[in-house]
């Protein structure tokens, strides 16, 4: 299976979920609920120049099971917020990641507006953006490689309407160029982030060198996010020095015996590197 087959399969599965959800609740009613729901907290980044989006996921196709559904997920989510995470990413994809919208609802209840939760899934339809807002999310992830330009515009327009930030996920230079175009078009209306996922879509293995190699291609107009492969303070420092302002960290935190300690160490290392970079550039 090649990388595009993986994304195509995930997109098809996501589209089936949308059809089933629409059969239960028409989009007009869902939008009424979304617009009537409490306004989610905005994403606030630290003046220190480096932040972490900490992730909650029960399974990864590459790493296998990361946590049981019976684990103390509330304590993990609360720990992320208490130890400096800028947001909590929540996997809601059920077939390969054991995710559910209920996990997103759970996260927003635990966070109590302190920081936003972000829906991470293989979104294909604006309906799913509204689902995220109803569940309490403050943001969503959108995979650039997976959709045509009109579909991407539709997701971003719905997110803007519902006041959600968007993390645009790129895998290569072509994705980054498309992301830069979307940033130029949409950034006046909403908060956007542009990230690089360094996971190879064929092998599902991390290729850390890709993050540093692609960093110069990312536009300065929006915060840049390193996705996958940030599992140590040393890796965070390297990527912060390369120009990334955030890291999205999932597997490393889920596997860590004490995720709060790892989160704190990664934040400290990334912020020190950003400050050093600023002093050098100045």
C-alpha atoms as a PDB file:
ATOM      1  CA  UNK A   1       0.000   0.000   0.000  1.00  0.00           C
ATOM      2  CA  UNK A   2       1.386   3.436  -0.894  1.00  0.00           C
ATOM      3  CA  UNK A   3       0.901   6.605   1.115  1.00  0.00           C
ATOM      4  CA  UNK A   4      -1.897   7.934  -1.022  1.00  0.00           C
ATOM      5  CA  UNK A   5      -3.752   4.623  -0.670  1.00  0.00           C
ATOM      6  CA  UNK A   6      -3.532   4.982   3.105  1.00  0.00           C
ATOM      7  CA  UNK A   7      -4.988   8.487   3.005  1.00  0.00           C
ATOM      8  CA  UNK A   8      -7.606   7.490   0.437  1.00  0.00           C
ATOM      9  CA  UNK A   9      -8.721   4.634   2.644  1.00  0.00           C
ATOM     10  CA  UNK A  10      -8.936   6.889   5.671  1.00  0.00           C
ATOM     11  CA  UNK A  11     -10.839   9.495   3.652  1.00  0.00           C
ATOM     12  CA  UNK A  12     -13.347   6.893   2.464  1.00  0.00           C
ATOM     13  CA  UNK A  13     -13.880   5.673   6.010  1.00  0.00           C
ATOM     14  CA  UNK A  14     -14.332   9.258   7.195  1.00  0.00           C
ATOM     15  CA  UNK A  15     -16.889   9.931   4.459  1.00  0.00           C
ATOM     16  CA  UNK A  16     -18.890   6.880   5.564  1.00  0.00           C
ATOM     17  CA  UNK A  17     -18.939   8.210   9.101  1.00  0.00           C
ATOM     18  CA  UNK A  18     -20.285  11.538   7.829  1.00  0.00           C
ATOM     19  CA  UNK A  19     -23.094   9.794   5.966  1.00  0.00           C
ATOM     20  CA  UNK A  20     -24.058   7.844   9.068  1.00  0.00           C
ATOM     21  CA  UNK A  21     -23.914  10.956  11.245  1.00  0.00           C
ATOM     22  CA  UNK A  22     -26.082  12.956   8.808  1.00  0.00           C
ATOM     23  CA  UNK A  23     -28.668  10.183   8.913  1.00  0.00           C
ATOM     24  CA  UNK A  24     -28.859  10.602  12.683  1.00  0.00           C
ATOM     25  CA  UNK A  25     -28.723  14.410  12.746  1.00  0.00           C
ATOM     26  CA  UNK A  26     -29.232  16.670   9.707  1.00  0.00           C
ATOM     27  CA  UNK A  27     -26.544  19.266   9.120  1.00  0.00           C
ATOM     28  CA  UNK A  28     -28.877  22.209   9.695  1.00  0.00           C
ATOM     29  CA  UNK A  29     -29.664  20.962  13.187  1.00  0.00           C
ATOM     30  CA  UNK A  30     -26.010  20.244  13.895  1.00  0.00           C
ATOM     31  CA  UNK A  31     -25.091  23.792  12.885  1.00  0.00           C
ATOM     32  CA  UNK A  32     -27.777  25.177  15.182  1.00  0.00           C
ATOM     33  CA  UNK A  33     -26.186  23.263  18.039  1.00  0.00           C
ATOM     34  CA  UNK A  34     -22.700  24.394  17.042  1.00  0.00           C
ATOM     35  CA  UNK A  35     -23.620  28.076  16.865  1.00  0.00           C
ATOM     36  CA  UNK A  36     -25.470  27.848  20.186  1.00  0.00           C
ATOM     37  CA  UNK A  37     -22.625  26.083  21.985  1.00  0.00           C
ATOM     38  CA  UNK A  38     -20.239  27.876  24.313  1.00  0.00           C
ATOM     39  CA  UNK A  39     -17.445  29.697  22.543  1.00  0.00           C
ATOM     40  CA  UNK A  40     -14.286  27.569  22.833  1.00  0.00           C
ATOM     41  CA  UNK A  41     -11.067  28.999  24.278  1.00  0.00           C
ATOM     42  CA  UNK A  42      -8.683  30.578  21.794  1.00  0.00           C
ATOM     43  CA  UNK A  43      -5.251  29.112  21.168  1.00  0.00           C
ATOM     44  CA  UNK A  44      -2.713  31.219  23.058  1.00  0.00           C
ATOM     45  CA  UNK A  45       0.978  30.758  22.385  1.00  0.00           C
ATOM     46  CA  UNK A  46       3.715  31.543  24.879  1.00  0.00           C
ATOM     47  CA  UNK A  47       5.934  34.598  24.524  1.00  0.00           C
ATOM     48  CA  UNK A  48       8.811  32.183  25.168  1.00  0.00           C
ATOM     49  CA  UNK A  49       8.538  31.139  21.527  1.00  0.00           C
ATOM     50  CA  UNK A  50       7.914  27.405  21.770  1.00  0.00           C
ATOM     51  CA  UNK A  51       4.792  25.444  22.706  1.00  0.00           C
ATOM     52  CA  UNK A  52       3.491  21.898  22.701  1.00  0.00           C
ATOM     53  CA  UNK A  53       0.177  20.505  21.528  1.00  0.00           C
ATOM     54  CA  UNK A  54      -0.068  17.370  23.663  1.00  0.00           C
ATOM     55  CA  UNK A  55      -2.009  14.487  22.197  1.00  0.00           C
ATOM     56  CA  UNK A  56      -4.460  11.963  23.532  1.00  0.00           C
ATOM     57  CA  UNK A  57      -4.682   8.814  21.432  1.00  0.00           C
ATOM     58  CA  UNK A  58      -5.306   5.221  22.396  1.00  0.00           C
ATOM     59  CA  UNK A  59      -3.708   3.540  19.384  1.00  0.00           C
ATOM     60  CA  UNK A  60      -1.348   4.291  16.529  1.00  0.00           C
ATOM     61  CA  UNK A  61      -1.056   2.171  13.357  1.00  0.00           C
ATOM     62  CA  UNK A  62       2.712   2.480  13.693  1.00  0.00           C
ATOM     63  CA  UNK A  63       3.072   1.963  17.464  1.00  0.00           C
ATOM     64  CA  UNK A  64       0.084  -0.226  18.309  1.00  0.00           C
ATOM     65  CA  UNK A  65      -1.886   0.188  21.534  1.00  0.00           C
ATOM     66  CA  UNK A  66      -0.837   3.223  23.572  1.00  0.00           C
ATOM     67  CA  UNK A  67      -3.504   3.246  26.290  1.00  0.00           C
ATOM     68  CA  UNK A  68      -6.547   1.258  27.290  1.00  0.00           C
ATOM     69  CA  UNK A  69      -9.991   2.811  27.164  1.00  0.00           C
ATOM     70  CA  UNK A  70     -10.144   2.098  30.901  1.00  0.00           C
ATOM     71  CA  UNK A  71      -7.005   4.170  31.600  1.00  0.00           C
ATOM     72  CA  UNK A  72      -7.288   7.378  33.614  1.00  0.00           C
ATOM     73  CA  UNK A  73      -7.598   9.621  30.582  1.00  0.00           C
ATOM     74  CA  UNK A  74      -8.982  12.508  32.614  1.00  0.00           C
ATOM     75  CA  UNK A  75      -5.833  12.645  34.734  1.00  0.00           C
ATOM     76  CA  UNK A  76      -3.659  12.590  31.626  1.00  0.00           C
ATOM     77  CA  UNK A  77      -5.587  15.434  30.002  1.00  0.00           C
ATOM     78  CA  UNK A  78      -5.527  17.502  33.199  1.00  0.00           C
ATOM     79  CA  UNK A  79      -1.799  16.830  33.522  1.00  0.00           C
ATOM     80  CA  UNK A  80      -1.137  18.115  30.029  1.00  0.00           C
ATOM     81  CA  UNK A  81      -2.911  21.380  30.834  1.00  0.00           C
ATOM     82  CA  UNK A  82      -1.300  21.760  34.245  1.00  0.00           C
ATOM     83  CA  UNK A  83       2.214  21.303  32.880  1.00  0.00           C
ATOM     84  CA  UNK A  84       2.178  23.819  30.088  1.00  0.00           C
ATOM     85  CA  UNK A  85       0.510  22.379  26.980  1.00  0.00           C
ATOM     86  CA  UNK A  86      -0.950  25.071  24.710  1.00  0.00           C
ATOM     87  CA  UNK A  87      -3.685  22.688  23.503  1.00  0.00           C
ATOM     88  CA  UNK A  88      -4.681  19.040  23.674  1.00  0.00           C
ATOM     89  CA  UNK A  89      -5.039  17.136  20.413  1.00  0.00           C
ATOM     90  CA  UNK A  90      -7.625  14.354  20.586  1.00  0.00           C
ATOM     91  CA  UNK A  91      -7.806  11.508  18.067  1.00  0.00           C
ATOM     92  CA  UNK A  92     -11.403  10.832  17.084  1.00  0.00           C
ATOM     93  CA  UNK A  93     -10.788   8.310  14.266  1.00  0.00           C
ATOM     94  CA  UNK A  94     -12.259   4.965  15.414  1.00  0.00           C
ATOM     95  CA  UNK A  95     -10.958   2.293  13.024  1.00  0.00           C
ATOM     96  CA  UNK A  96      -7.176   2.690  13.166  1.00  0.00           C
ATOM     97  CA  UNK A  97      -6.743   4.883  16.256  1.00  0.00           C
ATOM     98  CA  UNK A  98      -9.510   3.672  18.609  1.00  0.00           C
ATOM     99  CA  UNK A  99     -10.742   7.259  18.829  1.00  0.00           C
ATOM    100  CA  UNK A 100     -14.213   8.684  19.346  1.00  0.00           C
ATOM    101  CA  UNK A 101     -15.953  12.031  19.538  1.00  0.00           C
ATOM    102  CA  UNK A 102     -16.689  11.130  23.138  1.00  0.00           C
ATOM    103  CA  UNK A 103     -12.970  11.411  23.883  1.00  0.00           C
ATOM    104  CA  UNK A 104     -13.064  14.983  22.566  1.00  0.00           C
ATOM    105  CA  UNK A 105     -16.106  15.793  24.686  1.00  0.00           C
ATOM    106  CA  UNK A 106     -14.339  14.291  27.671  1.00  0.00           C
ATOM    107  CA  UNK A 107     -11.234  16.387  27.072  1.00  0.00           C
ATOM    108  CA  UNK A 108     -13.162  19.639  26.834  1.00  0.00           C
ATOM    109  CA  UNK A 109     -14.981  18.849  30.089  1.00  0.00           C
ATOM    110  CA  UNK A 110     -11.692  18.206  31.874  1.00  0.00           C
ATOM    111  CA  UNK A 111      -9.967  21.268  30.414  1.00  0.00           C
ATOM    112  CA  UNK A 112     -12.818  23.582  31.501  1.00  0.00           C
ATOM    113  CA  UNK A 113     -11.790  26.308  29.087  1.00  0.00           C
ATOM    114  CA  UNK A 114      -8.197  26.588  30.313  1.00  0.00           C
ATOM    115  CA  UNK A 115      -6.757  25.609  26.943  1.00  0.00           C
ATOM    116  CA  UNK A 116      -8.443  24.416  23.738  1.00  0.00           C
ATOM    117  CA  UNK A 117      -8.856  20.857  22.561  1.00  0.00           C
ATOM    118  CA  UNK A 118      -8.243  20.110  18.889  1.00  0.00           C
ATOM    119  CA  UNK A 119     -10.040  17.441  16.890  1.00  0.00           C
ATOM    120  CA  UNK A 120      -7.489  15.304  15.055  1.00  0.00           C
ATOM    121  CA  UNK A 121      -9.044  13.112  12.410  1.00  0.00           C
ATOM    122  CA  UNK A 122      -9.177  12.589   8.661  1.00  0.00           C
ATOM    123  CA  UNK A 123     -11.733  15.326   8.057  1.00  0.00           C
ATOM    124  CA  UNK A 124     -13.407  15.412   4.665  1.00  0.00           C
ATOM    125  CA  UNK A 125     -16.585  17.432   5.216  1.00  0.00           C
ATOM    126  CA  UNK A 126     -17.590  20.697   6.949  1.00  0.00           C
ATOM    127  CA  UNK A 127     -20.125  18.607   8.887  1.00  0.00           C
ATOM    128  CA  UNK A 128     -17.205  17.203  10.892  1.00  0.00           C
ATOM    129  CA  UNK A 129     -15.963  20.693  11.762  1.00  0.00           C
ATOM    130  CA  UNK A 130     -19.386  21.430  13.234  1.00  0.00           C
ATOM    131  CA  UNK A 131     -19.226  18.134  15.149  1.00  0.00           C
ATOM    132  CA  UNK A 132     -15.934  19.295  16.634  1.00  0.00           C
ATOM    133  CA  UNK A 133     -17.429  22.597  17.807  1.00  0.00           C
ATOM    134  CA  UNK A 134     -20.434  20.831  19.362  1.00  0.00           C
ATOM    135  CA  UNK A 135     -18.018  18.537  21.204  1.00  0.00           C
ATOM    136  CA  UNK A 136     -16.293  21.630  22.618  1.00  0.00           C
ATOM    137  CA  UNK A 137     -13.178  21.763  20.452  1.00  0.00           C
ATOM    138  CA  UNK A 138     -11.349  25.000  19.799  1.00  0.00           C
ATOM    139  CA  UNK A 139      -9.551  23.734  16.713  1.00  0.00           C
ATOM    140  CA  UNK A 140      -9.301  21.055  14.040  1.00  0.00           C
ATOM    141  CA  UNK A 141      -6.553  19.429  11.991  1.00  0.00           C
ATOM    142  CA  UNK A 142      -6.851  19.446   8.190  1.00  0.00           C
ATOM    143  CA  UNK A 143      -4.635  17.201   6.033  1.00  0.00           C
ATOM    144  CA  UNK A 144      -3.595  19.096   2.900  1.00  0.00           C
ATOM    145  CA  UNK A 145      -2.596  16.003   0.908  1.00  0.00           C
ATOM    146  CA  UNK A 146      -5.981  14.355   1.278  1.00  0.00           C
ATOM    147  CA  UNK A 147      -8.400  16.834  -0.320  1.00  0.00           C
ATOM    148  CA  UNK A 148      -8.878  18.996  -3.397  1.00  0.00           C
ATOM    149  CA  UNK A 149      -8.584  22.769  -3.061  1.00  0.00           C
ATOM    150  CA  UNK A 150     -12.364  23.467  -3.021  1.00  0.00           C
ATOM    151  CA  UNK A 151     -12.833  20.907  -0.230  1.00  0.00           C
ATOM    152  CA  UNK A 152     -10.009  22.466   1.782  1.00  0.00           C
ATOM    153  CA  UNK A 153     -11.513  25.920   1.337  1.00  0.00           C
ATOM    154  CA  UNK A 154     -14.880  24.591   2.531  1.00  0.00           C
ATOM    155  CA  UNK A 155     -13.360  23.128   5.712  1.00  0.00           C
ATOM    156  CA  UNK A 156     -11.507  26.365   6.452  1.00  0.00           C
ATOM    157  CA  UNK A 157     -14.580  28.500   5.819  1.00  0.00           C
ATOM    158  CA  UNK A 158     -16.648  26.390   8.218  1.00  0.00           C
ATOM    159  CA  UNK A 159     -13.900  26.563  10.836  1.00  0.00           C
ATOM    160  CA  UNK A 160     -13.797  30.356  10.508  1.00  0.00           C
ATOM    161  CA  UNK A 161     -17.565  30.558  10.846  1.00  0.00           C
ATOM    162  CA  UNK A 162     -17.362  28.535  14.064  1.00  0.00           C
ATOM    163  CA  UNK A 163     -14.284  30.376  15.391  1.00  0.00           C
ATOM    164  CA  UNK A 164     -11.984  27.353  15.388  1.00  0.00           C
ATOM    165  CA  UNK A 165      -8.254  27.446  14.738  1.00  0.00           C
ATOM    166  CA  UNK A 166      -6.920  25.117  12.049  1.00  0.00           C
ATOM    167  CA  UNK A 167      -3.683  23.155  11.926  1.00  0.00           C
ATOM    168  CA  UNK A 168      -2.872  22.546   8.256  1.00  0.00           C
ATOM    169  CA  UNK A 169      -0.812  19.366   7.954  1.00  0.00           C
ATOM    170  CA  UNK A 170       1.812  19.014   5.216  1.00  0.00           C
ATOM    171  CA  UNK A 171       4.049  16.114   4.275  1.00  0.00           C
ATOM    172  CA  UNK A 172       6.279  17.619   1.581  1.00  0.00           C
ATOM    173  CA  UNK A 173       7.147  20.779  -0.347  1.00  0.00           C
ATOM    174  CA  UNK A 174       4.070  20.523  -2.563  1.00  0.00           C
ATOM    175  CA  UNK A 175       1.815  20.393   0.482  1.00  0.00           C
ATOM    176  CA  UNK A 176       3.648  23.334   2.030  1.00  0.00           C
ATOM    177  CA  UNK A 177       3.141  25.424  -1.104  1.00  0.00           C
ATOM    178  CA  UNK A 178      -0.585  24.671  -1.016  1.00  0.00           C
ATOM    179  CA  UNK A 179      -0.687  25.434   2.685  1.00  0.00           C
ATOM    180  CA  UNK A 180       1.011  28.779   2.094  1.00  0.00           C
ATOM    181  CA  UNK A 181      -1.659  29.664  -0.493  1.00  0.00           C
ATOM    182  CA  UNK A 182      -4.442  28.763   1.924  1.00  0.00           C
ATOM    183  CA  UNK A 183      -2.789  30.783   4.678  1.00  0.00           C
ATOM    184  CA  UNK A 184      -2.652  33.801   2.396  1.00  0.00           C
ATOM    185  CA  UNK A 185      -6.317  33.382   1.516  1.00  0.00           C
ATOM    186  CA  UNK A 186      -7.764  32.602   4.950  1.00  0.00           C
ATOM    187  CA  UNK A 187      -5.518  34.010   7.677  1.00  0.00           C
ATOM    188  CA  UNK A 188      -7.377  37.324   7.943  1.00  0.00           C
ATOM    189  CA  UNK A 189     -10.462  35.445   9.137  1.00  0.00           C
ATOM    190  CA  UNK A 190      -9.061  32.807  11.491  1.00  0.00           C
ATOM    191  CA  UNK A 191      -6.106  31.484  13.436  1.00  0.00           C
ATOM    192  CA  UNK A 192      -4.014  29.106  11.328  1.00  0.00           C
ATOM    193  CA  UNK A 193      -1.001  26.904  11.992  1.00  0.00           C
ATOM    194  CA  UNK A 194       1.072  25.103   9.351  1.00  0.00           C
ATOM    195  CA  UNK A 195       2.703  21.842  10.345  1.00  0.00           C
ATOM    196  CA  UNK A 196       4.994  19.229   8.832  1.00  0.00           C
ATOM    197  CA  UNK A 197       4.301  15.581   9.596  1.00  0.00           C
ATOM    198  CA  UNK A 198       7.540  13.660   9.149  1.00  0.00           C
ATOM    199  CA  UNK A 199       5.904  10.239   9.174  1.00  0.00           C
ATOM    200  CA  UNK A 200       6.435   8.302   5.945  1.00  0.00           C
ATOM    201  CA  UNK A 201       2.985   7.384   4.631  1.00  0.00           C
ATOM    202  CA  UNK A 202       4.184   4.099   3.145  1.00  0.00           C
ATOM    203  CA  UNK A 203       6.145   2.647   6.062  1.00  0.00           C
ATOM    204  CA  UNK A 204       4.413   4.767   8.761  1.00  0.00           C
ATOM    205  CA  UNK A 205       7.871   5.268  10.266  1.00  0.00           C
ATOM    206  CA  UNK A 206       9.155   8.648  11.395  1.00  0.00           C
ATOM    207  CA  UNK A 207      11.769  10.389   9.222  1.00  0.00           C
ATOM    208  CA  UNK A 208      13.042  13.083  11.629  1.00  0.00           C
ATOM    209  CA  UNK A 209      15.459  14.683   9.149  1.00  0.00           C
ATOM    210  CA  UNK A 210      12.486  15.714   7.048  1.00  0.00           C
ATOM    211  CA  UNK A 211      11.407  18.276   9.643  1.00  0.00           C
ATOM    212  CA  UNK A 212      14.701  20.159   9.555  1.00  0.00           C
ATOM    213  CA  UNK A 213      14.976  19.863   5.776  1.00  0.00           C
ATOM    214  CA  UNK A 214      11.529  21.356   5.196  1.00  0.00           C
ATOM    215  CA  UNK A 215      11.692  24.068   7.863  1.00  0.00           C
ATOM    216  CA  UNK A 216      13.092  26.732   5.484  1.00  0.00           C
ATOM    217  CA  UNK A 217      10.163  26.121   3.124  1.00  0.00           C
ATOM    218  CA  UNK A 218       7.544  27.057   5.707  1.00  0.00           C
ATOM    219  CA  UNK A 219       6.187  30.613   5.520  1.00  0.00           C
ATOM    220  CA  UNK A 220       6.852  33.041   8.356  1.00  0.00           C
ATOM    221  CA  UNK A 221       3.249  34.280   8.272  1.00  0.00           C
ATOM    222  CA  UNK A 222       1.924  31.581  10.620  1.00  0.00           C
ATOM    223  CA  UNK A 223       3.285  29.508  13.510  1.00  0.00           C
ATOM    224  CA  UNK A 224       5.103  26.392  12.328  1.00  0.00           C
ATOM    225  CA  UNK A 225       4.443  23.009  13.911  1.00  0.00           C
ATOM    226  CA  UNK A 226       6.703  19.952  13.997  1.00  0.00           C
ATOM    227  CA  UNK A 227       4.557  16.811  13.944  1.00  0.00           C
ATOM    228  CA  UNK A 228       5.818  13.317  14.801  1.00  0.00           C
ATOM    229  CA  UNK A 229       9.332  12.455  15.849  1.00  0.00           C
ATOM    230  CA  UNK A 230       9.592  14.919  18.743  1.00  0.00           C
ATOM    231  CA  UNK A 231      10.228  12.511  21.583  1.00  0.00           C
ATOM    232  CA  UNK A 232      13.132  14.011  23.552  1.00  0.00           C
ATOM    233  CA  UNK A 233      14.190  17.446  24.799  1.00  0.00           C
ATOM    234  CA  UNK A 234      17.145  17.263  22.413  1.00  0.00           C
ATOM    235  CA  UNK A 235      14.831  16.780  19.427  1.00  0.00           C
ATOM    236  CA  UNK A 236      12.675  19.699  20.584  1.00  0.00           C
ATOM    237  CA  UNK A 237      15.734  21.949  20.881  1.00  0.00           C
ATOM    238  CA  UNK A 238      16.917  21.025  17.382  1.00  0.00           C
ATOM    239  CA  UNK A 239      13.547  21.743  15.831  1.00  0.00           C
ATOM    240  CA  UNK A 240      13.031  24.968  17.762  1.00  0.00           C
ATOM    241  CA  UNK A 241      16.439  26.133  16.534  1.00  0.00           C
ATOM    242  CA  UNK A 242      15.355  25.245  12.993  1.00  0.00           C
ATOM    243  CA  UNK A 243      12.397  27.624  13.286  1.00  0.00           C
ATOM    244  CA  UNK A 244       9.462  25.625  14.629  1.00  0.00           C
ATOM    245  CA  UNK A 245       7.312  27.393  17.215  1.00  0.00           C
ATOM    246  CA  UNK A 246       5.301  24.328  18.247  1.00  0.00           C
ATOM    247  CA  UNK A 247       5.522  20.565  18.399  1.00  0.00           C
ATOM    248  CA  UNK A 248       2.577  18.194  18.294  1.00  0.00           C
ATOM    249  CA  UNK A 249       3.544  15.226  20.473  1.00  0.00           C
ATOM    250  CA  UNK A 250       1.501  12.067  20.759  1.00  0.00           C
ATOM    251  CA  UNK A 251       3.191   8.696  20.998  1.00  0.00           C
ATOM    252  CA  UNK A 252       6.097   9.853  23.164  1.00  0.00           C
ATOM    253  CA  UNK A 253       3.798  11.391  25.777  1.00  0.00           C
ATOM    254  CA  UNK A 254       1.379   8.471  25.696  1.00  0.00           C
ATOM    255  CA  UNK A 255       4.217   5.990  26.284  1.00  0.00           C
ATOM    256  CA  UNK A 256       6.103   8.055  28.865  1.00  0.00           C
ATOM    257  CA  UNK A 257       5.936   6.735  32.446  1.00  0.00           C
ATOM    258  CA  UNK A 258       5.560  10.347  33.614  1.00  0.00           C
ATOM    259  CA  UNK A 259       4.241  12.470  30.719  1.00  0.00           C
ATOM    260  CA  UNK A 260       4.293  15.651  32.809  1.00  0.00           C
ATOM    261  CA  UNK A 261       8.064  15.366  33.326  1.00  0.00           C
ATOM    262  CA  UNK A 262       8.688  14.774  29.626  1.00  0.00           C
ATOM    263  CA  UNK A 263       6.370  17.626  28.622  1.00  0.00           C
ATOM    264  CA  UNK A 264       8.133  20.035  30.960  1.00  0.00           C
ATOM    265  CA  UNK A 265      11.588  19.004  29.733  1.00  0.00           C
ATOM    266  CA  UNK A 266      10.575  19.365  26.080  1.00  0.00           C
ATOM    267  CA  UNK A 267       9.094  22.808  26.682  1.00  0.00           C
ATOM    268  CA  UNK A 268      12.179  23.985  28.560  1.00  0.00           C
ATOM    269  CA  UNK A 269      14.563  22.715  25.872  1.00  0.00           C
ATOM    270  CA  UNK A 270      12.527  24.154  23.010  1.00  0.00           C
ATOM    271  CA  UNK A 271      12.189  27.546  24.664  1.00  0.00           C
ATOM    272  CA  UNK A 272      15.881  27.740  25.486  1.00  0.00           C
ATOM    273  CA  UNK A 273      16.720  26.962  21.857  1.00  0.00           C
ATOM    274  CA  UNK A 274      14.279  29.596  20.588  1.00  0.00           C
ATOM    275  CA  UNK A 275      15.807  32.202  22.878  1.00  0.00           C
ATOM    276  CA  UNK A 276      19.271  31.225  21.724  1.00  0.00           C
ATOM    277  CA  UNK A 277      18.132  31.457  18.110  1.00  0.00           C
ATOM    278  CA  UNK A 278      16.709  34.923  18.760  1.00  0.00           C
ATOM    279  CA  UNK A 279      19.959  36.087  20.330  1.00  0.00           C
ATOM    280  CA  UNK A 280      21.925  34.719  17.377  1.00  0.00           C
ATOM    281  CA  UNK A 281      19.606  36.304  14.819  1.00  0.00           C
ATOM    282  CA  UNK A 282      19.646  39.589  16.707  1.00  0.00           C
END
